C-alpha atoms as a PDB file:
ATOM      1  CA  MET A   1    -113.138 -62.656-114.342  1.00  0.00           C
ATOM      2  CA  LEU A   2    -110.331 -65.179-114.519  1.00  0.00           C
ATOM      3  CA  PHE A   3    -111.640 -66.352-117.870  1.00  0.00           C
ATOM      4  CA  CYS A   4    -111.478 -62.758-119.161  1.00  0.00           C
ATOM      5  CA  ILE A   5    -107.847 -62.439-118.129  1.00  0.00           C
ATOM      6  CA  LYS A   6    -107.053 -65.736-119.883  1.00  0.00           C
ATOM      7  CA  TRP A   7    -108.841 -64.496-123.000  1.00  0.00           C
ATOM      8  CA  PHE A   8    -106.809 -61.276-122.889  1.00  0.00           C
ATOM      9  CA  GLU A   9    -103.642 -63.371-122.655  1.00  0.00           C
ATOM     10  CA  VAL A  10    -104.683 -65.308-125.775  1.00  0.00           C
ATOM     11  CA  LEU A  11    -105.280 -62.063-127.656  1.00  0.00           C
ATOM     12  CA  SER A  12    -101.813 -60.863-126.622  1.00  0.00           C
ATOM     13  CA  LYS A  13    -100.152 -64.114-127.689  1.00  0.00           C
ATOM     14  CA  LEU A  14    -101.866 -63.817-131.080  1.00  0.00           C
ATOM     15  CA  GLY A  15    -100.521 -60.280-131.458  1.00  0.00           C
ATOM     16  CA  ILE A  16    -103.988 -58.723-131.351  1.00  0.00           C
ATOM     17  CA  ASP A  17    -103.847 -55.274-129.781  1.00  0.00           C
ATOM     18  CA  PHE A  18    -106.804 -54.451-127.539  1.00  0.00           C
ATOM     19  CA  GLY A  19    -108.096 -52.118-124.887  1.00  0.00           C
ATOM     20  CA  ILE A  20    -110.402 -52.847-121.968  1.00  0.00           C
ATOM     21  CA  ILE A  21    -113.107 -50.390-120.966  1.00  0.00           C
ATOM     22  CA  GLY A  22    -115.585 -51.118-118.195  1.00  0.00           C
ATOM     23  CA  TYR A  23    -118.796 -49.159-117.882  1.00  0.00           C
ATOM     24  CA  SER A  24    -121.851 -48.565-115.786  1.00  0.00           C
ATOM     25  CA  ASN A  25    -122.988 -44.964-115.399  1.00  0.00           C
ATOM     26  CA  SER A  26    -119.708 -43.942-117.029  1.00  0.00           C
ATOM     27  CA  PRO A  27    -116.745 -45.699-118.681  1.00  0.00           C
ATOM     28  CA  SER A  28    -113.445 -46.573-117.040  1.00  0.00           C
ATOM     29  CA  ILE A  29    -110.341 -47.559-118.996  1.00  0.00           C
ATOM     30  CA  HIS A  30    -108.794 -50.690-117.463  1.00  0.00           C
ATOM     31  CA  LYS A  31    -106.181 -51.174-120.205  1.00  0.00           C
ATOM     32  CA  GLY A  32    -105.402 -48.812-123.043  1.00  0.00           C
ATOM     33  CA  PHE A  33    -104.028 -49.740-126.437  1.00  0.00           C
ATOM     34  CA  ASP A  34    -100.711 -48.204-125.403  1.00  0.00           C
ATOM     35  CA  LYS A  35    -100.061 -50.990-122.858  1.00  0.00           C
ATOM     36  CA  ARG A  36     -99.143 -54.575-123.662  1.00  0.00           C
ATOM     37  CA  LEU A  37    -100.793 -57.049-121.328  1.00  0.00           C
ATOM     38  CA  GLU A  38     -97.445 -58.363-120.143  1.00  0.00           C
ATOM     39  CA  HIS A  39     -96.758 -54.900-118.724  1.00  0.00           C
ATOM     40  CA  VAL A  40     -99.971 -54.829-116.756  1.00  0.00           C
ATOM     41  CA  ASP A  41    -100.081 -56.586-113.427  1.00  0.00           C
ATOM     42  CA  LYS A  42    -102.742 -59.230-114.091  1.00  0.00           C
ATOM     43  CA  ASP A  43    -103.736 -59.474-110.417  1.00  0.00           C
ATOM     44  CA  LEU A  44    -104.182 -55.721-110.269  1.00  0.00           C
ATOM     45  CA  LEU A  45    -106.185 -55.739-113.493  1.00  0.00           C
ATOM     46  CA  THR A  46    -108.409 -58.533-112.175  1.00  0.00           C
ATOM     47  CA  SER A  47    -108.960 -56.726-108.855  1.00  0.00           C
ATOM     48  CA  GLU A  48    -109.750 -53.481-110.641  1.00  0.00           C
ATOM     49  CA  MET A  49    -112.256 -55.140-112.958  1.00  0.00           C
ATOM     50  CA  ILE A  50    -113.976 -56.969-110.077  1.00  0.00           C
ATOM     51  CA  ALA A  51    -114.175 -53.782-108.013  1.00  0.00           C
ATOM     52  CA  PHE A  52    -115.621 -51.897-110.969  1.00  0.00           C
ATOM     53  CA  TYR A  53    -118.188 -54.660-111.557  1.00  0.00           C
ATOM     54  CA  ASN A  54    -119.180 -54.753-107.877  1.00  0.00           C
ATOM     55  CA  ARG A  55    -119.820 -50.990-107.799  1.00  0.00           C
ATOM     56  CA  GLY A  56    -122.902 -51.609-109.889  1.00  0.00           C
ATOM     57  CA  GLY A  57    -124.752 -48.732-111.444  1.00  0.00           C
ATOM     58  CA  GLY A  58    -126.674 -48.213-114.628  1.00  0.00           C
ATOM     59  CA  ASN A  59    -125.862 -48.904-118.238  1.00  0.00           C
ATOM     60  CA  ASN A  60    -124.630 -45.951-120.246  1.00  0.00           C
ATOM     61  CA  GLU A  61    -123.795 -47.627-123.535  1.00  0.00           C
ATOM     62  CA  VAL A  62    -123.429 -44.246-125.262  1.00  0.00           C
ATOM     63  CA  LEU A  63    -120.517 -43.069-123.101  1.00  0.00           C
ATOM     64  CA  ALA A  64    -118.906 -46.519-123.207  1.00  0.00           C
ATOM     65  CA  LEU A  65    -119.171 -46.859-126.988  1.00  0.00           C
ATOM     66  CA  ARG A  66    -117.984 -43.262-127.495  1.00  0.00           C
ATOM     67  CA  GLU A  67    -114.901 -44.041-125.394  1.00  0.00           C
ATOM     68  CA  ALA A  68    -114.301 -47.283-127.311  1.00  0.00           C
ATOM     69  CA  LEU A  69    -114.516 -45.504-130.682  1.00  0.00           C
ATOM     70  CA  ASP A  70    -112.229 -42.718-129.462  1.00  0.00           C
ATOM     71  CA  GLN A  71    -109.710 -45.307-128.245  1.00  0.00           C
ATOM     72  CA  ILE A  72    -109.749 -47.476-131.376  1.00  0.00           C
ATOM     73  CA  GLU A  73    -109.879 -44.759-134.052  1.00  0.00           C
ATOM     74  CA  PRO A  74    -106.197 -43.715-133.976  1.00  0.00           C
ATOM     75  CA  GLU A  75    -104.997 -47.329-133.931  1.00  0.00           C
ATOM     76  CA  SER A  76    -103.564 -48.836-137.090  1.00  0.00           C
ATOM     77  CA  GLY A  77    -104.751 -52.126-138.471  1.00  0.00           C
ATOM     78  CA  ASP A  78    -106.765 -53.592-141.265  1.00  0.00           C
ATOM     79  CA  THR A  79    -109.526 -54.710-138.923  1.00  0.00           C
ATOM     80  CA  LYS A  80    -110.946 -52.715-136.045  1.00  0.00           C
ATOM     81  CA  THR A  81    -113.487 -54.458-133.847  1.00  0.00           C
ATOM     82  CA  VAL A  82    -115.229 -53.435-130.650  1.00  0.00           C
ATOM     83  CA  ILE A  83    -116.595 -56.337-128.615  1.00  0.00           C
ATOM     84  CA  PHE A  84    -119.259 -54.775-126.466  1.00  0.00           C
ATOM     85  CA  PHE A  85    -120.449 -56.730-123.420  1.00  0.00           C
ATOM     86  CA  SER A  86    -123.589 -55.961-121.450  1.00  0.00           C
ATOM     87  CA  ASP A  87    -125.257 -57.689-118.536  1.00  0.00           C
ATOM     88  CA  GLY A  88    -128.160 -55.304-118.179  1.00  0.00           C
ATOM     89  CA  GLN A  89    -130.943 -53.482-119.912  1.00  0.00           C
ATOM     90  CA  LEU A  90    -130.268 -51.086-122.758  1.00  0.00           C
ATOM     91  CA  CYS A  91    -129.620 -47.426-122.050  1.00  0.00           C
ATOM     92  CA  THR A  92    -130.784 -47.143-118.486  1.00  0.00           C
ATOM     93  CA  ASP A  93    -128.633 -43.981-118.357  1.00  0.00           C
ATOM     94  CA  CYS A  94    -128.521 -42.808-121.969  1.00  0.00           C
ATOM     95  CA  ASP A  95    -130.481 -41.838-125.078  1.00  0.00           C
ATOM     96  CA  PRO A  96    -131.050 -44.718-127.526  1.00  0.00           C
ATOM     97  CA  ASN A  97    -130.963 -42.247-130.451  1.00  0.00           C
ATOM     98  CA  GLU A  98    -127.405 -41.282-129.519  1.00  0.00           C
ATOM     99  CA  LEU A  99    -126.504 -44.970-129.534  1.00  0.00           C
ATOM    100  CA  ARG A 100    -127.939 -45.327-133.058  1.00  0.00           C
ATOM    101  CA  GLN A 101    -125.772 -42.404-134.184  1.00  0.00           C
ATOM    102  CA  LEU A 102    -122.663 -44.055-132.738  1.00  0.00           C
ATOM    103  CA  PHE A 103    -123.440 -47.269-134.642  1.00  0.00           C
ATOM    104  CA  LYS A 104    -123.619 -45.203-137.846  1.00  0.00           C
ATOM    105  CA  GLU A 105    -120.363 -43.441-136.983  1.00  0.00           C
ATOM    106  CA  ALA A 106    -118.637 -46.786-136.380  1.00  0.00           C
ATOM    107  CA  GLU A 107    -119.868 -48.050-139.747  1.00  0.00           C
ATOM    108  CA  ARG A 108    -118.521 -44.927-141.514  1.00  0.00           C
ATOM    109  CA  LYS A 109    -115.151 -45.480-139.828  1.00  0.00           C
ATOM    110  CA  ASN A 110    -115.100 -49.210-140.712  1.00  0.00           C
ATOM    111  CA  VAL A 111    -115.220 -50.266-137.068  1.00  0.00           C
ATOM    112  CA  ARG A 112    -117.139 -53.470-136.507  1.00  0.00           C
ATOM    113  CA  ILE A 113    -119.132 -53.650-133.271  1.00  0.00           C
ATOM    114  CA  ILE A 114    -120.071 -57.048-131.888  1.00  0.00           C
ATOM    115  CA  GLY A 115    -122.576 -56.987-129.045  1.00  0.00           C
ATOM    116  CA  ILE A 116    -122.579 -59.757-126.470  1.00  0.00           C
ATOM    117  CA  GLY A 117    -125.349 -59.778-123.894  1.00  0.00           C
ATOM    118  CA  ILE A 118    -124.852 -61.941-120.826  1.00  0.00           C
ATOM    119  CA  GLY A 119    -127.743 -62.942-118.556  1.00  0.00           C
ATOM    120  CA  ARG A 120    -131.492 -62.592-118.598  1.00  0.00           C
ATOM    121  CA  ASP A 121    -131.580 -58.787-118.824  1.00  0.00           C
ATOM    122  CA  ALA A 122    -129.261 -58.506-121.816  1.00  0.00           C
ATOM    123  CA  ASN A 123    -131.112 -60.167-124.674  1.00  0.00           C
ATOM    124  CA  PHE A 124    -131.619 -56.731-126.277  1.00  0.00           C
ATOM    125  CA  VAL A 125    -128.229 -57.138-127.990  1.00  0.00           C
ATOM    126  CA  LYS A 126    -129.826 -59.276-130.706  1.00  0.00           C
ATOM    127  CA  ASP A 127    -132.031 -56.328-131.696  1.00  0.00           C
ATOM    128  CA  TRP A 128    -129.459 -53.541-131.404  1.00  0.00           C
ATOM    129  CA  PHE A 129    -126.125 -54.995-132.476  1.00  0.00           C
ATOM    130  CA  SER A 130    -125.186 -56.603-135.754  1.00  0.00           C
ATOM    131  CA  PRO A 131    -124.008 -59.114-134.920  1.00  0.00           C
ATOM    132  CA  GLY A 132    -125.676 -59.384-131.551  1.00  0.00           C
ATOM    133  CA  ILE A 133    -125.061 -62.474-129.491  1.00  0.00           C
ATOM    134  CA  TYR A 134    -127.103 -63.400-126.441  1.00  0.00           C
ATOM    135  CA  VAL A 135    -125.521 -65.683-123.833  1.00  0.00           C
ATOM    136  CA  GLU A 136    -128.063 -66.636-121.202  1.00  0.00           C
ATOM    137  CA  ASP A 137    -125.577 -68.535-119.026  1.00  0.00           C
ATOM    138  CA  VAL A 138    -122.091 -67.084-118.469  1.00  0.00           C
ATOM    139  CA  LYS A 139    -120.738 -70.651-118.490  1.00  0.00           C
ATOM    140  CA  ASN A 140    -121.240 -70.602-122.282  1.00  0.00           C
ATOM    141  CA  LEU A 141    -119.142 -67.454-122.730  1.00  0.00           C
ATOM    142  CA  PRO A 142    -115.812 -69.237-123.445  1.00  0.00           C
ATOM    143  CA  ASP A 143    -117.329 -71.067-126.430  1.00  0.00           C
ATOM    144  CA  VAL A 144    -118.967 -67.906-127.719  1.00  0.00           C
ATOM    145  CA  LEU A 145    -115.758 -65.875-127.445  1.00  0.00           C
ATOM    146  CA  GLY A 146    -113.817 -68.629-129.182  1.00  0.00           C
ATOM    147  CA  LYS A 147    -116.190 -68.381-132.147  1.00  0.00           C
ATOM    148  CA  VAL A 148    -115.986 -64.590-132.118  1.00  0.00           C
ATOM    149  CA  LEU A 149    -112.183 -64.743-132.164  1.00  0.00           C
ATOM    150  CA  ILE A 150    -112.263 -67.084-135.171  1.00  0.00           C
ATOM    151  CA  ASP A 151    -114.551 -64.646-137.009  1.00  0.00           C
ATOM    152  CA  ILE A 152    -112.398 -61.610-136.307  1.00  0.00           C
END
């Protein structure tokens, strides 16, 4: 989690606006676009994200992606990108056809979705997301995110 907070700090320093949405059975907004990271207590954000992660649950990518698209749509900017992380199997709590429709909607709205699967159960991202990046070992995530940031 500490690495995530550091990555968020880098995004802020670069002037890249972002939101943070966690999900399992349903999404939870950890940081909206309306808040700058410097105004969010980083310890509180870290604790909230860890608590959300430890709750466990399923994977409802549909609700999470819907929330992400709703959050990013009104934002201004030449480039809109959703970086979608998963550590589990696809759509344990959703309809894959609805997910396909959301990918099409994002494409119509010029929102790029990058899927990043972390761990042995998340290699589905290569088949569902374009681009889809599979990271078997979380220790490799910093390098992967560095490359993603360069490409954005």
